[in-house]
C-alpha cells in the first residue's frame, strides 16, 4: 500500500475527531483533554467516538440530543477508561483530567 494513502487516511480521521467530535489534545502535557464539538446539534443529533486511544488512556465521546439513541441520558458525555469524567445536558466545551 502506498504510504501517501495511509497518511491522508489518518489525516481525515484526525480532522473528524478534532473538528466534528471536538477532541483537542493541546493540553495533554498538563494532563488535560478538552472536548468542544463543532457540529451543530440540530445537524447531527447523535454521535459517538468510542475507543480513541490518547496516550495510555481510552477516551470515548458521546452526544445524544434527546437521550433516545443510546439510553444514557441527553447531552454530551466524556469517558476516560470507561469512567464518566464530564457531562453536559447540551453541546458544550468540556475539560477532563487524564
N, C-alpha and C. Protein backbone atom coordinates (compact mmCIF):
# COMPACT_ATOMS: atom_id res chain seq x y z
N UNK A 1 0.85 -1.17 0.00
CA UNK A 1 0.00 0.00 0.00
C UNK A 1 0.90 1.25 0.00
N UNK A 2 0.50 2.24 -0.70
CA UNK A 2 1.25 3.49 -0.81
C UNK A 2 1.18 4.27 0.51
N UNK A 3 2.34 4.75 1.01
CA UNK A 3 2.37 5.48 2.28
C UNK A 3 1.53 6.75 2.25
N UNK A 4 1.48 7.42 1.11
CA UNK A 4 0.68 8.64 0.98
C UNK A 4 -0.79 8.37 1.26
N UNK A 5 -1.28 7.23 0.82
CA UNK A 5 -2.67 6.87 1.06
C UNK A 5 -2.94 6.74 2.56
N UNK A 6 -2.07 6.04 3.29
CA UNK A 6 -2.25 5.87 4.72
C UNK A 6 -2.19 7.20 5.45
N UNK A 7 -1.28 8.07 5.03
CA UNK A 7 -1.16 9.37 5.68
C UNK A 7 -2.43 10.19 5.51
N UNK A 8 -2.95 10.26 4.30
CA UNK A 8 -4.17 11.03 4.07
C UNK A 8 -5.35 10.43 4.83
N UNK A 9 -5.41 9.13 4.88
CA UNK A 9 -6.49 8.48 5.62
C UNK A 9 -6.42 8.86 7.10
N UNK A 10 -5.23 8.83 7.67
CA UNK A 10 -5.06 9.20 9.07
C UNK A 10 -5.39 10.67 9.29
N UNK A 11 -5.02 11.51 8.36
CA UNK A 11 -5.31 12.93 8.48
C UNK A 11 -6.82 13.17 8.50
N UNK A 12 -7.55 12.47 7.65
CA UNK A 12 -9.01 12.62 7.62
C UNK A 12 -9.61 12.25 8.97
N UNK A 13 -9.17 11.13 9.54
CA UNK A 13 -9.67 10.72 10.85
C UNK A 13 -9.35 11.75 11.91
N UNK A 14 -8.14 12.29 11.88
CA UNK A 14 -7.75 13.33 12.83
C UNK A 14 -8.65 14.55 12.72
N UNK A 15 -8.99 14.94 11.51
CA UNK A 15 -9.86 16.10 11.31
C UNK A 15 -11.27 15.85 11.84
N UNK A 16 -11.78 14.66 11.64
CA UNK A 16 -13.11 14.32 12.15
C UNK A 16 -13.09 14.34 13.68
N UNK A 17 -12.08 13.71 14.28
CA UNK A 17 -12.02 13.63 15.74
C UNK A 17 -11.77 15.00 16.37
N UNK A 18 -10.92 15.81 15.77
CA UNK A 18 -10.62 17.12 16.37
C UNK A 18 -11.67 18.17 16.04
N UNK A 19 -12.24 18.12 14.85
CA UNK A 19 -13.21 19.13 14.46
C UNK A 19 -14.64 18.76 14.80
N UNK A 20 -15.13 17.75 14.15
CA UNK A 20 -16.52 17.33 14.33
C UNK A 20 -16.80 16.91 15.78
N UNK A 21 -16.00 15.98 16.30
CA UNK A 21 -16.18 15.48 17.66
C UNK A 21 -15.61 16.45 18.69
N UNK A 22 -14.56 17.19 18.31
CA UNK A 22 -14.01 18.23 19.17
C UNK A 22 -12.94 17.80 20.15
N UNK A 23 -12.30 16.66 19.91
CA UNK A 23 -11.24 16.21 20.81
C UNK A 23 -10.00 17.07 20.56
N UNK A 24 -9.60 17.81 21.57
CA UNK A 24 -8.45 18.71 21.48
C UNK A 24 -7.38 18.25 22.46
N UNK A 25 -6.22 17.92 21.94
CA UNK A 25 -5.15 17.34 22.76
C UNK A 25 -4.07 18.35 23.12
N UNK A 26 -4.32 19.63 22.93
CA UNK A 26 -3.28 20.64 23.17
C UNK A 26 -2.86 20.73 24.63
N UNK A 27 -3.67 20.30 25.56
CA UNK A 27 -3.32 20.38 26.98
C UNK A 27 -2.79 19.10 27.57
N UNK A 28 -2.43 18.14 26.73
CA UNK A 28 -2.00 16.84 27.24
C UNK A 28 -0.77 16.90 28.12
N UNK A 29 0.14 17.81 27.85
CA UNK A 29 1.34 17.90 28.69
C UNK A 29 0.99 18.27 30.12
N UNK A 30 -0.14 18.93 30.31
CA UNK A 30 -0.62 19.29 31.64
C UNK A 30 -1.64 18.28 32.15
N UNK A 31 -1.86 17.20 31.40
CA UNK A 31 -2.80 16.16 31.81
C UNK A 31 -4.25 16.52 31.57
N UNK A 32 -4.51 17.45 30.66
CA UNK A 32 -5.89 17.89 30.39
C UNK A 32 -6.29 17.54 28.96
N UNK A 33 -7.53 17.18 28.81
CA UNK A 33 -8.13 16.93 27.50
C UNK A 33 -9.39 17.79 27.40
N UNK A 34 -9.54 18.47 26.30
CA UNK A 34 -10.72 19.30 26.08
C UNK A 34 -11.53 18.70 24.95
N UNK A 35 -12.85 18.71 25.11
CA UNK A 35 -13.77 18.27 24.07
C UNK A 35 -14.70 19.44 23.79
N UNK A 36 -14.71 19.88 22.54
CA UNK A 36 -15.53 21.03 22.14
C UNK A 36 -16.05 20.79 20.72
N UNK A 37 -17.11 19.99 20.57
CA UNK A 37 -17.63 19.66 19.24
C UNK A 37 -18.04 20.89 18.45
N UNK A 38 -17.75 20.84 17.15
CA UNK A 38 -18.10 21.95 16.27
C UNK A 38 -19.41 21.73 15.53
N UNK A 39 -19.89 20.52 15.52
CA UNK A 39 -21.11 20.22 14.77
C UNK A 39 -22.33 20.76 15.52
N UNK A 40 -23.24 21.44 14.81
CA UNK A 40 -24.47 21.90 15.48
C UNK A 40 -25.36 20.71 15.83
N UNK A 41 -25.91 20.68 17.04
CA UNK A 41 -26.73 19.54 17.46
C UNK A 41 -27.95 19.32 16.58
N UNK A 42 -28.44 20.37 15.94
CA UNK A 42 -29.60 20.19 15.05
C UNK A 42 -29.22 19.48 13.76
N UNK A 43 -27.95 19.55 13.38
CA UNK A 43 -27.48 18.89 12.17
C UNK A 43 -27.07 17.45 12.42
N UNK A 44 -26.61 17.17 13.61
CA UNK A 44 -26.16 15.83 13.97
C UNK A 44 -26.62 15.55 15.39
N UNK A 45 -27.85 15.05 15.54
CA UNK A 45 -28.43 14.93 16.88
C UNK A 45 -27.82 13.83 17.75
N UNK A 46 -26.98 13.00 17.19
CA UNK A 46 -26.28 12.00 17.99
C UNK A 46 -25.00 11.56 17.28
N UNK A 47 -23.99 11.25 18.06
CA UNK A 47 -22.74 10.68 17.54
C UNK A 47 -21.97 10.08 18.70
N UNK A 48 -21.05 9.20 18.36
CA UNK A 48 -20.14 8.65 19.36
C UNK A 48 -18.78 8.38 18.71
N UNK A 49 -17.74 8.67 19.43
CA UNK A 49 -16.38 8.29 19.06
C UNK A 49 -15.89 7.45 20.22
N UNK A 50 -15.84 6.16 20.02
CA UNK A 50 -15.58 5.23 21.11
C UNK A 50 -14.22 4.56 20.93
N UNK A 51 -13.47 4.48 22.00
CA UNK A 51 -12.21 3.76 21.97
C UNK A 51 -11.06 4.52 21.35
N UNK A 52 -11.04 5.84 21.50
CA UNK A 52 -9.97 6.66 20.95
C UNK A 52 -8.79 6.62 21.93
N UNK A 53 -7.67 6.07 21.50
CA UNK A 53 -6.52 5.97 22.38
C UNK A 53 -5.75 7.29 22.36
N UNK A 54 -5.59 7.88 23.54
CA UNK A 54 -4.82 9.10 23.71
C UNK A 54 -3.80 8.81 24.81
N UNK A 55 -2.55 8.68 24.41
CA UNK A 55 -1.53 8.24 25.35
C UNK A 55 -1.85 6.82 25.79
N UNK A 56 -1.92 6.62 27.09
CA UNK A 56 -2.24 5.30 27.62
C UNK A 56 -3.71 5.19 28.04
N UNK A 57 -4.51 6.18 27.69
CA UNK A 57 -5.92 6.22 28.08
C UNK A 57 -6.81 5.94 26.87
N UNK A 58 -7.99 5.42 27.14
CA UNK A 58 -9.01 5.21 26.12
C UNK A 58 -10.14 6.20 26.38
N UNK A 59 -10.40 7.05 25.40
CA UNK A 59 -11.38 8.12 25.53
C UNK A 59 -12.58 7.83 24.64
N UNK A 60 -13.76 8.08 25.18
CA UNK A 60 -15.00 7.98 24.42
C UNK A 60 -15.78 9.27 24.58
N UNK A 61 -16.30 9.77 23.47
CA UNK A 61 -17.11 10.98 23.47
C UNK A 61 -18.45 10.61 22.85
N UNK A 62 -19.52 10.97 23.54
CA UNK A 62 -20.86 10.61 23.09
C UNK A 62 -21.78 11.81 23.21
N UNK A 63 -22.58 12.04 22.18
CA UNK A 63 -23.59 13.09 22.24
C UNK A 63 -24.92 12.50 21.80
N UNK A 64 -25.95 12.80 22.57
CA UNK A 64 -27.31 12.35 22.28
C UNK A 64 -28.25 13.51 22.62
N UNK A 65 -28.80 14.13 21.59
CA UNK A 65 -29.60 15.35 21.76
C UNK A 65 -30.76 15.17 22.74
N UNK A 66 -31.51 14.08 22.59
CA UNK A 66 -32.68 13.90 23.46
C UNK A 66 -32.60 12.67 24.36
N UNK A 67 -31.50 11.94 24.30
CA UNK A 67 -31.32 10.78 25.17
C UNK A 67 -31.94 9.50 24.65
N UNK A 68 -32.55 9.53 23.48
CA UNK A 68 -33.25 8.34 22.98
C UNK A 68 -32.35 7.38 22.20
N UNK A 69 -31.22 7.84 21.71
CA UNK A 69 -30.37 6.99 20.86
C UNK A 69 -29.58 5.96 21.68
N UNK A 70 -28.90 6.39 22.72
CA UNK A 70 -28.02 5.50 23.48
C UNK A 70 -28.59 5.10 24.83
N UNK A 71 -29.65 5.75 25.27
CA UNK A 71 -30.26 5.40 26.54
C UNK A 71 -29.42 5.74 27.76
N UNK A 72 -28.55 6.73 27.64
CA UNK A 72 -27.67 7.13 28.75
C UNK A 72 -27.97 8.56 29.21
N UNK A 73 -29.07 9.10 28.78
CA UNK A 73 -29.40 10.49 29.10
C UNK A 73 -29.05 11.40 27.95
N UNK A 74 -29.56 12.62 28.02
CA UNK A 74 -29.31 13.54 26.92
C UNK A 74 -28.05 14.35 27.16
N UNK A 75 -27.45 14.79 26.07
CA UNK A 75 -26.30 15.67 26.15
C UNK A 75 -24.99 15.02 25.78
N UNK A 76 -23.91 15.70 26.17
CA UNK A 76 -22.54 15.32 25.84
C UNK A 76 -21.90 14.61 27.03
N UNK A 77 -21.20 13.53 26.75
CA UNK A 77 -20.53 12.74 27.79
C UNK A 77 -19.11 12.44 27.36
N UNK A 78 -18.17 12.54 28.28
CA UNK A 78 -16.76 12.19 28.03
C UNK A 78 -16.37 11.13 29.05
N UNK A 79 -15.93 9.99 28.54
CA UNK A 79 -15.48 8.90 29.39
C UNK A 79 -14.00 8.65 29.16
N UNK A 80 -13.28 8.37 30.23
CA UNK A 80 -11.86 8.01 30.15
C UNK A 80 -11.71 6.65 30.82
N UNK A 81 -11.22 5.69 30.06
CA UNK A 81 -11.10 4.31 30.53
C UNK A 81 -12.43 3.79 31.09
N UNK A 82 -13.50 4.15 30.42
CA UNK A 82 -14.83 3.66 30.79
C UNK A 82 -15.49 4.39 31.94
N UNK A 83 -14.84 5.39 32.51
CA UNK A 83 -15.38 6.14 33.65
C UNK A 83 -15.84 7.52 33.16
N UNK A 84 -17.08 7.87 33.49
CA UNK A 84 -17.60 9.18 33.12
C UNK A 84 -16.81 10.27 33.84
N UNK A 85 -16.17 11.16 33.08
CA UNK A 85 -15.34 12.22 33.65
C UNK A 85 -16.00 13.59 33.55
N UNK A 86 -16.87 13.79 32.56
CA UNK A 86 -17.55 15.08 32.40
C UNK A 86 -18.79 14.88 31.55
N UNK A 87 -19.79 15.73 31.82
CA UNK A 87 -21.01 15.67 31.02
C UNK A 87 -21.70 17.02 31.05
N UNK A 88 -22.54 17.23 30.06
CA UNK A 88 -23.35 18.44 29.96
C UNK A 88 -24.66 18.06 29.28
N UNK A 89 -25.79 18.60 29.73
CA UNK A 89 -27.06 18.28 29.09
C UNK A 89 -27.19 18.88 27.69
N UNK A 90 -26.27 19.76 27.32
CA UNK A 90 -26.27 20.36 25.99
C UNK A 90 -24.87 20.20 25.38
N UNK A 91 -24.76 20.59 24.12
CA UNK A 91 -23.45 20.60 23.46
C UNK A 91 -22.65 21.72 24.11
N UNK A 92 -21.50 21.38 24.70
CA UNK A 92 -20.73 22.36 25.45
C UNK A 92 -19.26 21.96 25.44
N UNK A 93 -18.41 22.90 25.76
CA UNK A 93 -16.98 22.64 25.88
C UNK A 93 -16.74 22.01 27.26
N UNK A 94 -16.09 20.84 27.24
CA UNK A 94 -15.81 20.13 28.49
C UNK A 94 -14.31 19.86 28.58
N UNK A 95 -13.76 19.95 29.78
CA UNK A 95 -12.36 19.62 30.02
C UNK A 95 -12.30 18.53 31.09
N UNK A 96 -11.39 17.60 30.87
CA UNK A 96 -11.21 16.50 31.83
C UNK A 96 -9.73 16.30 32.11
N UNK A 97 -9.43 15.74 33.25
CA UNK A 97 -8.06 15.36 33.59
C UNK A 97 -7.84 13.93 33.14
N UNK A 98 -6.67 13.69 32.61
CA UNK A 98 -6.34 12.33 32.17
C UNK A 98 -5.46 11.63 33.20
